[in-house]
Amino acid sequence: MPLSLPPSFSSRPIVRKIEQRFGLPGFARLLKLLEQLAESPSPESGVIELPASDWREVLQVGQLELHVFLAYLASDGFLALEPDPESGSP
């Protein structure tokens, strides 16, 4: 499934918040997250099943930064987190 973003994507409130909080690396990580969703086996479900180690690799972050980034998105209602059995983290 190709990733198709609306022309005004970067002006959406959550995207602006991410860019303000995490800078351009945060914006890039948000796009990487959306790419993972588009490439997932069932993107229409809105679920991406990856262990924390894979998320760290995809988003090029450490464990703490991954947690902070995903928790920030979750606190805004952009996504929901489930504990990762691999490490007990999202």
N, C-alpha and C. Protein backbone atom coordinates (compact mmCIF):
# COMPACT_ATOMS: atom_id res chain seq x y z
N MET A 1 0.85 -1.18 0.00
CA MET A 1 0.00 0.00 0.00
C MET A 1 0.90 1.24 0.00
N PRO A 2 0.75 2.11 -0.97
CA PRO A 2 1.58 3.32 -0.99
C PRO A 2 1.14 4.31 0.10
N LEU A 3 2.10 5.08 0.54
CA LEU A 3 1.84 6.10 1.55
C LEU A 3 1.47 7.38 0.83
N SER A 4 0.28 7.89 1.09
CA SER A 4 -0.18 9.11 0.44
C SER A 4 -0.59 10.10 1.53
N LEU A 5 0.15 11.19 1.63
CA LEU A 5 -0.14 12.20 2.64
C LEU A 5 -0.85 13.39 2.01
N PRO A 6 -1.76 14.02 2.75
CA PRO A 6 -2.44 15.20 2.21
C PRO A 6 -1.45 16.36 2.06
N PRO A 7 -1.72 17.28 1.15
CA PRO A 7 -0.81 18.41 0.95
C PRO A 7 -0.56 19.23 2.22
N SER A 8 -1.51 19.27 3.10
CA SER A 8 -1.37 20.07 4.32
C SER A 8 -0.92 19.23 5.52
N PHE A 9 -0.30 18.09 5.26
CA PHE A 9 0.09 17.19 6.34
C PHE A 9 0.93 17.89 7.40
N SER A 10 1.93 18.65 6.99
CA SER A 10 2.84 19.27 7.96
C SER A 10 2.19 20.38 8.78
N SER A 11 1.00 20.80 8.38
CA SER A 11 0.33 21.85 9.17
C SER A 11 -0.70 21.27 10.14
N ARG A 12 -0.85 19.95 10.17
CA ARG A 12 -1.78 19.33 11.13
C ARG A 12 -1.24 19.53 12.55
N PRO A 13 -2.14 19.72 13.51
CA PRO A 13 -1.69 20.02 14.88
C PRO A 13 -0.68 19.02 15.45
N ILE A 14 -0.92 17.72 15.31
CA ILE A 14 0.00 16.75 15.89
C ILE A 14 1.36 16.83 15.20
N VAL A 15 1.37 17.05 13.92
CA VAL A 15 2.63 17.13 13.18
C VAL A 15 3.41 18.36 13.62
N ARG A 16 2.72 19.48 13.78
CA ARG A 16 3.39 20.71 14.25
C ARG A 16 3.91 20.53 15.66
N LYS A 17 3.13 19.85 16.52
CA LYS A 17 3.59 19.59 17.89
C LYS A 17 4.85 18.73 17.90
N ILE A 18 4.86 17.69 17.06
CA ILE A 18 6.03 16.80 16.97
C ILE A 18 7.24 17.58 16.51
N GLU A 19 7.04 18.41 15.49
CA GLU A 19 8.17 19.19 14.97
C GLU A 19 8.68 20.20 16.00
N GLN A 20 7.76 20.80 16.76
CA GLN A 20 8.18 21.75 17.80
C GLN A 20 8.91 21.04 18.93
N ARG A 21 8.44 19.86 19.32
CA ARG A 21 9.01 19.14 20.46
C ARG A 21 10.30 18.41 20.10
N PHE A 22 10.32 17.76 18.91
CA PHE A 22 11.44 16.90 18.54
C PHE A 22 12.24 17.40 17.35
N GLY A 23 11.83 18.52 16.75
CA GLY A 23 12.54 19.06 15.60
C GLY A 23 12.32 18.23 14.34
N LEU A 24 13.13 18.48 13.35
CA LEU A 24 13.00 17.73 12.09
C LEU A 24 13.24 16.23 12.25
N PRO A 25 14.13 15.80 13.17
CA PRO A 25 14.25 14.34 13.38
C PRO A 25 12.91 13.73 13.84
N GLY A 26 12.15 14.44 14.64
CA GLY A 26 10.85 13.94 15.08
C GLY A 26 9.87 13.84 13.92
N PHE A 27 9.90 14.84 13.05
CA PHE A 27 9.05 14.82 11.87
C PHE A 27 9.41 13.62 11.00
N ALA A 28 10.71 13.40 10.81
CA ALA A 28 11.16 12.25 10.02
C ALA A 28 10.73 10.94 10.67
N ARG A 29 10.82 10.86 11.99
CA ARG A 29 10.40 9.64 12.69
C ARG A 29 8.91 9.39 12.55
N LEU A 30 8.13 10.47 12.56
CA LEU A 30 6.69 10.32 12.34
C LEU A 30 6.43 9.76 10.95
N LEU A 31 7.14 10.25 9.95
CA LEU A 31 6.98 9.72 8.59
C LEU A 31 7.41 8.26 8.52
N LYS A 32 8.50 7.91 9.20
CA LYS A 32 8.94 6.51 9.24
C LYS A 32 7.88 5.62 9.87
N LEU A 33 7.25 6.12 10.93
CA LEU A 33 6.18 5.37 11.59
C LEU A 33 5.02 5.14 10.61
N LEU A 34 4.66 6.18 9.88
CA LEU A 34 3.57 6.05 8.91
C LEU A 34 3.96 5.11 7.77
N GLU A 35 5.22 5.12 7.37
CA GLU A 35 5.68 4.18 6.35
C GLU A 35 5.55 2.74 6.85
N GLN A 36 5.89 2.52 8.11
CA GLN A 36 5.76 1.18 8.68
C GLN A 36 4.29 0.73 8.65
N LEU A 37 3.40 1.65 8.94
CA LEU A 37 1.97 1.31 8.90
C LEU A 37 1.56 0.95 7.47
N ALA A 38 1.98 1.76 6.51
CA ALA A 38 1.62 1.50 5.11
C ALA A 38 2.17 0.17 4.62
N GLU A 39 3.34 -0.24 5.14
CA GLU A 39 3.98 -1.47 4.71
C GLU A 39 3.58 -2.69 5.55
N SER A 40 2.79 -2.47 6.59
CA SER A 40 2.41 -3.58 7.47
C SER A 40 1.47 -4.54 6.73
N PRO A 41 1.38 -5.79 7.20
CA PRO A 41 0.54 -6.78 6.53
C PRO A 41 -0.94 -6.36 6.43
N SER A 42 -1.43 -5.63 7.40
CA SER A 42 -2.83 -5.19 7.34
C SER A 42 -2.93 -3.73 7.77
N PRO A 43 -2.53 -2.80 6.89
CA PRO A 43 -2.52 -1.39 7.24
C PRO A 43 -3.90 -0.84 7.61
N GLU A 44 -4.94 -1.45 7.05
CA GLU A 44 -6.29 -0.97 7.36
C GLU A 44 -6.67 -1.21 8.82
N SER A 45 -5.98 -2.13 9.48
CA SER A 45 -6.27 -2.40 10.90
C SER A 45 -5.68 -1.32 11.79
N GLY A 46 -4.67 -0.61 11.27
CA GLY A 46 -4.03 0.42 12.07
C GLY A 46 -3.08 -0.14 13.11
N VAL A 47 -2.71 -1.41 12.97
CA VAL A 47 -1.84 -2.06 13.95
C VAL A 47 -0.49 -2.38 13.30
N ILE A 48 0.57 -2.04 14.02
CA ILE A 48 1.92 -2.40 13.59
C ILE A 48 2.52 -3.21 14.72
N GLU A 49 2.82 -4.47 14.45
CA GLU A 49 3.39 -5.33 15.48
C GLU A 49 4.89 -5.44 15.27
N LEU A 50 5.63 -4.65 16.03
CA LEU A 50 7.09 -4.70 16.00
C LEU A 50 7.60 -4.67 17.43
N PRO A 51 8.61 -5.46 17.73
CA PRO A 51 9.21 -5.36 19.07
C PRO A 51 9.96 -4.03 19.19
N ALA A 52 10.20 -3.61 20.41
CA ALA A 52 10.87 -2.33 20.67
C ALA A 52 12.23 -2.26 19.96
N SER A 53 12.95 -3.38 19.89
CA SER A 53 14.26 -3.36 19.24
C SER A 53 14.13 -2.99 17.76
N ASP A 54 13.09 -3.48 17.10
CA ASP A 54 12.87 -3.12 15.69
C ASP A 54 12.47 -1.66 15.55
N TRP A 55 11.63 -1.18 16.47
CA TRP A 55 11.26 0.24 16.44
C TRP A 55 12.48 1.12 16.63
N ARG A 56 13.36 0.73 17.54
CA ARG A 56 14.59 1.53 17.75
C ARG A 56 15.42 1.59 16.48
N GLU A 57 15.50 0.48 15.78
CA GLU A 57 16.27 0.45 14.53
C GLU A 57 15.59 1.28 13.45
N VAL A 58 14.29 1.12 13.28
CA VAL A 58 13.56 1.85 12.24
C VAL A 58 13.63 3.36 12.48
N LEU A 59 13.43 3.77 13.73
CA LEU A 59 13.39 5.20 14.04
C LEU A 59 14.75 5.76 14.42
N GLN A 60 15.75 4.88 14.50
CA GLN A 60 17.13 5.28 14.81
C GLN A 60 17.20 6.07 16.12
N VAL A 61 16.67 5.44 17.17
CA VAL A 61 16.67 6.06 18.50
C VAL A 61 17.08 5.02 19.54
N GLY A 62 17.43 5.51 20.71
CA GLY A 62 17.69 4.63 21.83
C GLY A 62 16.39 4.28 22.54
N GLN A 63 16.49 3.44 23.54
CA GLN A 63 15.30 2.97 24.26
C GLN A 63 14.53 4.11 24.91
N LEU A 64 15.22 5.00 25.61
CA LEU A 64 14.55 6.11 26.28
C LEU A 64 13.90 7.05 25.29
N GLU A 65 14.62 7.41 24.23
CA GLU A 65 14.07 8.32 23.23
C GLU A 65 12.87 7.71 22.52
N LEU A 66 12.91 6.39 22.27
CA LEU A 66 11.76 5.71 21.67
C LEU A 66 10.56 5.83 22.58
N HIS A 67 10.76 5.56 23.86
CA HIS A 67 9.65 5.64 24.81
C HIS A 67 9.08 7.05 24.87
N VAL A 68 9.94 8.05 24.94
CA VAL A 68 9.49 9.44 25.02
C VAL A 68 8.70 9.82 23.77
N PHE A 69 9.21 9.45 22.60
CA PHE A 69 8.56 9.79 21.33
C PHE A 69 7.18 9.13 21.22
N LEU A 70 7.13 7.82 21.45
CA LEU A 70 5.85 7.11 21.34
C LEU A 70 4.87 7.53 22.43
N ALA A 71 5.35 7.77 23.62
CA ALA A 71 4.48 8.23 24.70
C ALA A 71 3.90 9.60 24.38
N TYR A 72 4.68 10.45 23.75
CA TYR A 72 4.19 11.77 23.35
C TYR A 72 3.06 11.63 22.34
N LEU A 73 3.24 10.75 21.35
CA LEU A 73 2.18 10.52 20.36
C LEU A 73 0.95 9.91 21.01
N ALA A 74 1.16 9.01 21.96
CA ALA A 74 0.03 8.37 22.65
C ALA A 74 -0.71 9.37 23.52
N SER A 75 0.00 10.27 24.18
CA SER A 75 -0.66 11.25 25.05
C SER A 75 -1.54 12.19 24.25
N ASP A 76 -1.23 12.37 22.97
CA ASP A 76 -2.04 13.22 22.11
C ASP A 76 -3.17 12.44 21.44
N GLY A 77 -3.20 11.12 21.65
CA GLY A 77 -4.24 10.29 21.05
C GLY A 77 -3.92 9.87 19.62
N PHE A 78 -2.70 10.13 19.15
CA PHE A 78 -2.33 9.76 17.79
C PHE A 78 -2.18 8.26 17.64
N LEU A 79 -1.75 7.59 18.71
CA LEU A 79 -1.61 6.14 18.68
C LEU A 79 -1.84 5.56 20.06
N ALA A 80 -2.01 4.26 20.10
CA ALA A 80 -2.15 3.53 21.37
C ALA A 80 -0.98 2.56 21.47
N LEU A 81 -0.44 2.44 22.67
CA LEU A 81 0.71 1.56 22.88
C LEU A 81 0.31 0.31 23.64
N GLU A 82 0.95 -0.78 23.29
CA GLU A 82 0.83 -2.02 24.06
C GLU A 82 2.21 -2.40 24.52
N PRO A 83 2.34 -2.97 25.71
CA PRO A 83 3.68 -3.36 26.18
C PRO A 83 4.33 -4.37 25.27
N ASP A 84 5.63 -4.25 25.12
CA ASP A 84 6.41 -5.17 24.30
C ASP A 84 6.91 -6.30 25.20
N PRO A 85 6.49 -7.54 24.92
CA PRO A 85 6.94 -8.64 25.76
C PRO A 85 8.46 -8.80 25.75
N GLU A 86 9.12 -8.32 24.70
CA GLU A 86 10.57 -8.45 24.59
C GLU A 86 11.28 -7.71 25.71
N SER A 87 10.81 -6.51 26.02
CA SER A 87 11.53 -5.72 27.01
C SER A 87 10.63 -5.02 28.02
N GLY A 88 9.33 -5.21 27.89
CA GLY A 88 8.41 -4.53 28.79
C GLY A 88 8.20 -3.08 28.42
N SER A 89 8.74 -2.66 27.29
CA SER A 89 8.55 -1.27 26.86
C SER A 89 7.74 -1.25 25.56
N PRO A 90 7.25 -0.06 25.16
CA PRO A 90 6.41 0.02 23.95
C PRO A 90 7.17 -0.32 22.70
